[in-house]
Amino acid sequence: MKVKTSITLSEELLEQIDLLPAPHQNRSAFLETAAWAYIEQLRQEQQAARDLEILNRRADYLNAEVADALQYQSPL
């Protein structure tokens, strides 16, 4: 469901949106597409930060596992 709202944007931004030869039909469609893309980007960044925190928390264990596995490798 679409909800009508009012926002304030700079004239510069609106001019740039209007100049784009994008497939959007109007400003609303463009801004909705841009907002969804930004939300997805933020979600991915949050997930990456959570993953990095897990890896950092488990770094010592993971490094020990790799060192152990490398001991079984044959010399070249």
PDB file of N, CA and C in Angstrom:
ATOM      1  N   MET A   1       0.839  -1.166   0.000  1.00  0.00           N
ATOM      2  CA  MET A   1       0.000   0.000   0.000  1.00  0.00           C
ATOM      3  C   MET A   1       0.894   1.241   0.000  1.00  0.00           C
ATOM      4  N   LYS A   2       0.571   2.174  -0.818  1.00  0.00           N
ATOM      5  CA  LYS A   2       1.319   3.435  -0.885  1.00  0.00           C
ATOM      6  C   LYS A   2       0.676   4.443   0.059  1.00  0.00           C
ATOM      7  N   VAL A   3       1.513   5.245   0.697  1.00  0.00           N
ATOM      8  CA  VAL A   3       1.053   6.293   1.596  1.00  0.00           C
ATOM      9  C   VAL A   3       1.636   7.603   1.111  1.00  0.00           C
ATOM     10  N   LYS A   4       0.807   8.595   0.971  1.00  0.00           N
ATOM     11  CA  LYS A   4       1.285   9.904   0.533  1.00  0.00           C
ATOM     12  C   LYS A   4       1.961  10.595   1.705  1.00  0.00           C
ATOM     13  N   THR A   5       3.134  11.179   1.426  1.00  0.00           N
ATOM     14  CA  THR A   5       3.889  11.879   2.456  1.00  0.00           C
ATOM     15  C   THR A   5       4.512  13.120   1.848  1.00  0.00           C
ATOM     16  N   SER A   6       5.057  13.939   2.683  1.00  0.00           N
ATOM     17  CA  SER A   6       5.709  15.158   2.215  1.00  0.00           C
ATOM     18  C   SER A   6       7.120  15.198   2.779  1.00  0.00           C
ATOM     19  N   ILE A   7       8.094  15.455   1.907  1.00  0.00           N
ATOM     20  CA  ILE A   7       9.487  15.580   2.341  1.00  0.00           C
ATOM     21  C   ILE A   7      10.076  16.841   1.734  1.00  0.00           C
ATOM     22  N   THR A   8      11.137  17.293   2.309  1.00  0.00           N
ATOM     23  CA  THR A   8      11.806  18.490   1.807  1.00  0.00           C
ATOM     24  C   THR A   8      13.161  18.086   1.258  1.00  0.00           C
ATOM     25  N   LEU A   9      13.407  18.423   0.007  1.00  0.00           N
ATOM     26  CA  LEU A   9      14.671  18.107  -0.660  1.00  0.00           C
ATOM     27  C   LEU A   9      15.227  19.370  -1.293  1.00  0.00           C
ATOM     28  N   SER A  10      16.522  19.365  -1.497  1.00  0.00           N
ATOM     29  CA  SER A  10      17.135  20.530  -2.130  1.00  0.00           C
ATOM     30  C   SER A  10      16.761  20.593  -3.615  1.00  0.00           C
ATOM     31  N   GLU A  11      16.737  21.796  -4.148  1.00  0.00           N
ATOM     32  CA  GLU A  11      16.466  21.970  -5.581  1.00  0.00           C
ATOM     33  C   GLU A  11      17.517  21.246  -6.414  1.00  0.00           C
ATOM     34  N   GLU A  12      18.756  21.289  -5.926  1.00  0.00           N
ATOM     35  CA  GLU A  12      19.863  20.617  -6.619  1.00  0.00           C
ATOM     36  C   GLU A  12      19.585  19.130  -6.812  1.00  0.00           C
ATOM     37  N   LEU A  13      19.149  18.482  -5.730  1.00  0.00           N
ATOM     38  CA  LEU A  13      18.863  17.052  -5.808  1.00  0.00           C
ATOM     39  C   LEU A  13      17.732  16.775  -6.783  1.00  0.00           C
ATOM     40  N   LEU A  14      16.681  17.549  -6.706  1.00  0.00           N
ATOM     41  CA  LEU A  14      15.550  17.337  -7.618  1.00  0.00           C
ATOM     42  C   LEU A  14      15.957  17.548  -9.072  1.00  0.00           C
ATOM     43  N   GLU A  15      16.791  18.535  -9.320  1.00  0.00           N
ATOM     44  CA  GLU A  15      17.269  18.768 -10.687  1.00  0.00           C
ATOM     45  C   GLU A  15      18.063  17.564 -11.187  1.00  0.00           C
ATOM     46  N   GLN A  16      18.919  17.005 -10.323  1.00  0.00           N
ATOM     47  CA  GLN A  16      19.716  15.850 -10.720  1.00  0.00           C
ATOM     48  C   GLN A  16      18.835  14.626 -10.987  1.00  0.00           C
ATOM     49  N   ILE A  17      17.825  14.440 -10.159  1.00  0.00           N
ATOM     50  CA  ILE A  17      16.888  13.328 -10.376  1.00  0.00           C
ATOM     51  C   ILE A  17      16.181  13.501 -11.718  1.00  0.00           C
ATOM     52  N   ASP A  18      15.752  14.717 -11.992  1.00  0.00           N
ATOM     53  CA  ASP A  18      15.024  14.983 -13.237  1.00  0.00           C
ATOM     54  C   ASP A  18      15.907  14.814 -14.467  1.00  0.00           C
ATOM     55  N   LEU A  19      17.215  14.995 -14.324  1.00  0.00           N
ATOM     56  CA  LEU A  19      18.135  14.868 -15.457  1.00  0.00           C
ATOM     57  C   LEU A  19      18.482  13.414 -15.784  1.00  0.00           C
ATOM     58  N   LEU A  20      18.274  12.518 -14.821  1.00  0.00           N
ATOM     59  CA  LEU A  20      18.661  11.124 -15.022  1.00  0.00           C
ATOM     60  C   LEU A  20      17.788  10.433 -16.062  1.00  0.00           C
ATOM     61  N   PRO A  21      18.430   9.743 -16.990  1.00  0.00           N
ATOM     62  CA  PRO A  21      17.662   8.969 -17.975  1.00  0.00           C
ATOM     63  C   PRO A  21      17.366   7.565 -17.439  1.00  0.00           C
ATOM     64  N   ALA A  22      16.830   7.515 -16.221  1.00  0.00           N
ATOM     65  CA  ALA A  22      16.571   6.217 -15.578  1.00  0.00           C
ATOM     66  C   ALA A  22      15.190   5.695 -15.977  1.00  0.00           C
ATOM     67  N   PRO A  23      14.957   4.427 -15.702  1.00  0.00           N
ATOM     68  CA  PRO A  23      13.669   3.836 -16.059  1.00  0.00           C
ATOM     69  C   PRO A  23      12.523   4.230 -15.113  1.00  0.00           C
ATOM     70  N   HIS A  24      12.817   5.072 -14.116  1.00  0.00           N
ATOM     71  CA  HIS A  24      11.737   5.474 -13.207  1.00  0.00           C
ATOM     72  C   HIS A  24      10.742   6.368 -13.932  1.00  0.00           C
ATOM     73  N   GLN A  25       9.508   6.278 -13.508  1.00  0.00           N
ATOM     74  CA  GLN A  25       8.463   7.044 -14.183  1.00  0.00           C
ATOM     75  C   GLN A  25       8.289   8.431 -13.585  1.00  0.00           C
ATOM     76  N   ASN A  26       8.640   8.584 -12.321  1.00  0.00           N
ATOM     77  CA  ASN A  26       8.490   9.879 -11.666  1.00  0.00           C
ATOM     78  C   ASN A  26       9.435   9.953 -10.469  1.00  0.00           C
ATOM     79  N   ARG A  27       9.440  11.096  -9.829  1.00  0.00           N
ATOM     80  CA  ARG A  27      10.328  11.283  -8.676  1.00  0.00           C
ATOM     81  C   ARG A  27      10.018  10.297  -7.555  1.00  0.00           C
ATOM     82  N   SER A  28       8.755  10.063  -7.314  1.00  0.00           N
ATOM     83  CA  SER A  28       8.373   9.144  -6.236  1.00  0.00           C
ATOM     84  C   SER A  28       8.936   7.755  -6.474  1.00  0.00           C
ATOM     85  N   ALA A  29       8.809   7.277  -7.707  1.00  0.00           N
ATOM     86  CA  ALA A  29       9.325   5.947  -8.039  1.00  0.00           C
ATOM     87  C   ALA A  29      10.841   5.909  -7.876  1.00  0.00           C
ATOM     88  N   PHE A  30      11.503   6.964  -8.321  1.00  0.00           N
ATOM     89  CA  PHE A  30      12.954   7.035  -8.185  1.00  0.00           C
ATOM     90  C   PHE A  30      13.368   7.015  -6.716  1.00  0.00           C
ATOM     91  N   LEU A  31      12.725   7.857  -5.903  1.00  0.00           N
ATOM     92  CA  LEU A  31      13.099   7.951  -4.497  1.00  0.00           C
ATOM     93  C   LEU A  31      12.773   6.668  -3.734  1.00  0.00           C
ATOM     94  N   GLU A  32      11.686   5.994  -4.089  1.00  0.00           N
ATOM     95  CA  GLU A  32      11.372   4.727  -3.429  1.00  0.00           C
ATOM     96  C   GLU A  32      12.425   3.678  -3.770  1.00  0.00           C
ATOM     97  N   THR A  33      12.817   3.611  -5.042  1.00  0.00           N
ATOM     98  CA  THR A  33      13.846   2.667  -5.469  1.00  0.00           C
ATOM     99  C   THR A  33      15.163   2.965  -4.763  1.00  0.00           C
ATOM    100  N   ALA A  34      15.517   4.237  -4.676  1.00  0.00           N
ATOM    101  CA  ALA A  34      16.765   4.635  -4.014  1.00  0.00           C
ATOM    102  C   ALA A  34      16.726   4.298  -2.526  1.00  0.00           C
ATOM    103  N   ALA A  35      15.578   4.526  -1.883  1.00  0.00           N
ATOM    104  CA  ALA A  35      15.459   4.227  -0.453  1.00  0.00           C
ATOM    105  C   ALA A  35      15.590   2.733  -0.194  1.00  0.00           C
ATOM    106  N   TRP A  36      14.945   1.905  -1.014  1.00  0.00           N
ATOM    107  CA  TRP A  36      15.063   0.446  -0.840  1.00  0.00           C
ATOM    108  C   TRP A  36      16.496  -0.018  -1.051  1.00  0.00           C
ATOM    109  N   ALA A  37      17.169   0.552  -2.043  1.00  0.00           N
ATOM    110  CA  ALA A  37      18.567   0.174  -2.298  1.00  0.00           C
ATOM    111  C   ALA A  37      19.446   0.556  -1.110  1.00  0.00           C
ATOM    112  N   TYR A  38      19.208   1.721  -0.532  1.00  0.00           N
ATOM    113  CA  TYR A  38      19.995   2.171   0.616  1.00  0.00           C
ATOM    114  C   TYR A  38      19.715   1.297   1.838  1.00  0.00           C
ATOM    115  N   ILE A  39      18.462   0.947   2.055  1.00  0.00           N
ATOM    116  CA  ILE A  39      18.111   0.064   3.167  1.00  0.00           C
ATOM    117  C   ILE A  39      18.822  -1.277   3.018  1.00  0.00           C
ATOM    118  N   GLU A  40      18.821  -1.833   1.814  1.00  0.00           N
ATOM    119  CA  GLU A  40      19.503  -3.108   1.572  1.00  0.00           C
ATOM    120  C   GLU A  40      21.007  -2.977   1.836  1.00  0.00           C
ATOM    121  N   GLN A  41      21.593  -1.867   1.408  1.00  0.00           N
ATOM    122  CA  GLN A  41      23.021  -1.626   1.652  1.00  0.00           C
ATOM    123  C   GLN A  41      23.304  -1.581   3.155  1.00  0.00           C
ATOM    124  N   LEU A  42      22.465  -0.885   3.906  1.00  0.00           N
ATOM    125  CA  LEU A  42      22.655  -0.810   5.360  1.00  0.00           C
ATOM    126  C   LEU A  42      22.527  -2.180   6.009  1.00  0.00           C
ATOM    127  N   ARG A  43      21.565  -2.983   5.561  1.00  0.00           N
ATOM    128  CA  ARG A  43      21.404  -4.328   6.101  1.00  0.00           C
ATOM    129  C   ARG A  43      22.634  -5.185   5.825  1.00  0.00           C
ATOM    130  N   GLN A  44      23.165  -5.076   4.610  1.00  0.00           N
ATOM    131  CA  GLN A  44      24.364  -5.843   4.273  1.00  0.00           C
ATOM    132  C   GLN A  44      25.560  -5.405   5.108  1.00  0.00           C
ATOM    133  N   GLU A  45      25.684  -4.099   5.331  1.00  0.00           N
ATOM    134  CA  GLU A  45      26.776  -3.595   6.163  1.00  0.00           C
ATOM    135  C   GLU A  45      26.634  -4.091   7.602  1.00  0.00           C
ATOM    136  N   GLN A  46      25.404  -4.123   8.116  1.00  0.00           N
ATOM    137  CA  GLN A  46      25.174  -4.639   9.471  1.00  0.00           C
ATOM    138  C   GLN A  46      25.539  -6.118   9.555  1.00  0.00           C
ATOM    139  N   GLN A  47      25.155  -6.886   8.540  1.00  0.00           N
ATOM    140  CA  GLN A  47      25.478  -8.311   8.533  1.00  0.00           C
ATOM    141  C   GLN A  47      26.992  -8.522   8.456  1.00  0.00           C
ATOM    142  N   ALA A  48      27.672  -7.737   7.621  1.00  0.00           N
ATOM    143  CA  ALA A  48      29.125  -7.836   7.499  1.00  0.00           C
ATOM    144  C   ALA A  48      29.799  -7.499   8.833  1.00  0.00           C
ATOM    145  N   ALA A  49      29.276  -6.496   9.530  1.00  0.00           N
ATOM    146  CA  ALA A  49      29.843  -6.126  10.825  1.00  0.00           C
ATOM    147  C   ALA A  49      29.644  -7.250  11.841  1.00  0.00           C
ATOM    148  N   ARG A  50      28.461  -7.885  11.821  1.00  0.00           N
ATOM    149  CA  ARG A  50      28.220  -9.012  12.735  1.00  0.00           C
ATOM    150  C   ARG A  50      29.144 -10.176  12.405  1.00  0.00           C
ATOM    151  N   ASP A  51      29.308 -10.467  11.106  1.00  0.00           N
ATOM    152  CA  ASP A  51      30.195 -11.559  10.698  1.00  0.00           C
ATOM    153  C   ASP A  51      31.632 -11.281  11.116  1.00  0.00           C
ATOM    154  N   LEU A  52      32.092 -10.053  10.914  1.00  0.00           N
ATOM    155  CA  LEU A  52      33.455  -9.687  11.294  1.00  0.00           C
ATOM    156  C   LEU A  52      33.653  -9.817  12.799  1.00  0.00           C
ATOM    157  N   GLU A  53      32.647  -9.423  13.573  1.00  0.00           N
ATOM    158  CA  GLU A  53      32.741  -9.536  15.023  1.00  0.00           C
ATOM    159  C   GLU A  53      32.870 -11.003  15.433  1.00  0.00           C
ATOM    160  N   ILE A  54      32.116 -11.876  14.777  1.00  0.00           N
ATOM    161  CA  ILE A  54      32.205 -13.314  15.075  1.00  0.00           C
ATOM    162  C   ILE A  54      33.589 -13.843  14.714  1.00  0.00           C
ATOM    163  N   LEU A  55      34.080 -13.477  13.535  1.00  0.00           N
ATOM    164  CA  LEU A  55      35.411 -13.933  13.115  1.00  0.00           C
ATOM    165  C   LEU A  55      36.494 -13.428  14.063  1.00  0.00           C
ATOM    166  N   ASN A  56      36.401 -12.167  14.452  1.00  0.00           N
ATOM    167  CA  ASN A  56      37.397 -11.619  15.380  1.00  0.00           C
ATOM    168  C   ASN A  56      37.340 -12.310  16.730  1.00  0.00           C
ATOM    169  N   ARG A  57      36.128 -12.615  17.190  1.00  0.00           N
ATOM    170  CA  ARG A  57      35.966 -13.288  18.479  1.00  0.00           C
ATOM    171  C   ARG A  57      36.535 -14.708  18.429  1.00  0.00           C
ATOM    172  N   ARG A  58      36.479 -15.347  17.267  1.00  0.00           N
ATOM    173  CA  ARG A  58      36.924 -16.734  17.118  1.00  0.00           C
ATOM    174  C   ARG A  58      38.293 -16.841  16.441  1.00  0.00           C
ATOM    175  N   ALA A  59      38.986 -15.730  16.242  1.00  0.00           N
ATOM    176  CA  ALA A  59      40.240 -15.711  15.487  1.00  0.00           C
ATOM    177  C   ALA A  59      41.289 -16.666  16.045  1.00  0.00           C
ATOM    178  N   ASP A  60      41.484 -16.658  17.343  1.00  0.00           N
ATOM    179  CA  ASP A  60      42.510 -17.530  17.939  1.00  0.00           C
ATOM    180  C   ASP A  60      42.211 -19.002  17.657  1.00  0.00           C
ATOM    181  N   TYR A  61      40.959 -19.394  17.831  1.00  0.00           N
ATOM    182  CA  TYR A  61      40.571 -20.781  17.571  1.00  0.00           C
ATOM    183  C   TYR A  61      40.760 -21.136  16.098  1.00  0.00           C
ATOM    184  N   LEU A  62      40.301 -20.237  15.207  1.00  0.00           N
ATOM    185  CA  LEU A  62      40.416 -20.508  13.773  1.00  0.00           C
ATOM    186  C   LEU A  62      41.883 -20.584  13.342  1.00  0.00           C
ATOM    187  N   ASN A  63      42.713 -19.708  13.867  1.00  0.00           N
ATOM    188  CA  ASN A  63      44.137 -19.739  13.529  1.00  0.00           C
ATOM    189  C   ASN A  63      44.789 -21.029  14.021  1.00  0.00           C
ATOM    190  N   ALA A  64      44.401 -21.491  15.182  1.00  0.00           N
ATOM    191  CA  ALA A  64      44.940 -22.756  15.701  1.00  0.00           C
ATOM    192  C   ALA A  64      44.511 -23.923  14.817  1.00  0.00           C
ATOM    193  N   GLU A  65      43.276 -23.913  14.356  1.00  0.00           N
ATOM    194  CA  GLU A  65      42.783 -24.958  13.456  1.00  0.00           C
ATOM    195  C   GLU A  65      43.585 -24.985  12.155  1.00  0.00           C
ATOM    196  N   VAL A  66      43.848 -23.823  11.593  1.00  0.00           N
ATOM    197  CA  VAL A  66      44.621 -23.745  10.352  1.00  0.00           C
ATOM    198  C   VAL A  66      46.045 -24.233  10.584  1.00  0.00           C
ATOM    199  N   ALA A  67      46.653 -23.814  11.676  1.00  0.00           N
ATOM    200  CA  ALA A  67      48.020 -24.246  11.980  1.00  0.00           C
ATOM    201  C   ALA A  67      48.077 -25.759  12.125  1.00  0.00           C
ATOM    202  N   ASP A  68      47.081 -26.334  12.769  1.00  0.00           N
ATOM    203  CA  ASP A  68      47.021 -27.786  12.931  1.00  0.00           C
ATOM    204  C   ASP A  68      46.881 -28.473  11.574  1.00  0.00           C
ATOM    205  N   ALA A  69      46.018 -27.974  10.746  1.00  0.00           N
ATOM    206  CA  ALA A  69      45.807 -28.579   9.416  1.00  0.00           C
ATOM    207  C   ALA A  69      47.065 -28.475   8.568  1.00  0.00           C
ATOM    208  N   LEU A  70      47.803 -27.395   8.692  1.00  0.00           N
ATOM    209  CA  LEU A  70      49.019 -27.208   7.890  1.00  0.00           C
ATOM    210  C   LEU A  70      50.113 -28.197   8.295  1.00  0.00           C
ATOM    211  N   GLN A  71      50.070 -28.691   9.517  1.00  0.00           N
ATOM    212  CA  GLN A  71      51.075 -29.670   9.950  1.00  0.00           C
ATOM    213  C   GLN A  71      50.958 -30.970   9.182  1.00  0.00           C
ATOM    214  N   TYR A  72      49.795 -31.242   8.643  1.00  0.00           N
ATOM    215  CA  TYR A  72      49.577 -32.484   7.900  1.00  0.00           C
ATOM    216  C   TYR A  72      49.961 -32.365   6.424  1.00  0.00           C
ATOM    217  N   GLN A  73      50.347 -31.175   6.018  1.00  0.00           N
ATOM    218  CA  GLN A  73      50.705 -30.961   4.614  1.00  0.00           C
ATOM    219  C   GLN A  73      52.096 -31.495   4.333  1.00  0.00           C
ATOM    220  N   SER A  74      52.252 -32.066   3.168  1.00  0.00           N
ATOM    221  CA  SER A  74      53.576 -32.559   2.751  1.00  0.00           C
ATOM    222  C   SER A  74      54.426 -31.395   2.304  1.00  0.00           C
ATOM    223  N   PRO A  75      55.745 -31.450   2.589  1.00  0.00           N
ATOM    224  CA  PRO A  75      56.631 -30.390   2.101  1.00  0.00           C
ATOM    225  C   PRO A  75      56.719 -30.456   0.577  1.00  0.00           C
ATOM    226  N   LEU A  76      56.885 -29.309  -0.023  1.00  0.00           N
ATOM    227  CA  LEU A  76      57.001 -29.260  -1.498  1.00  0.00           C
ATOM    228  C   LEU A  76      58.392 -29.558  -1.950  1.00  0.00           C
TER     229      LEU A  76
END
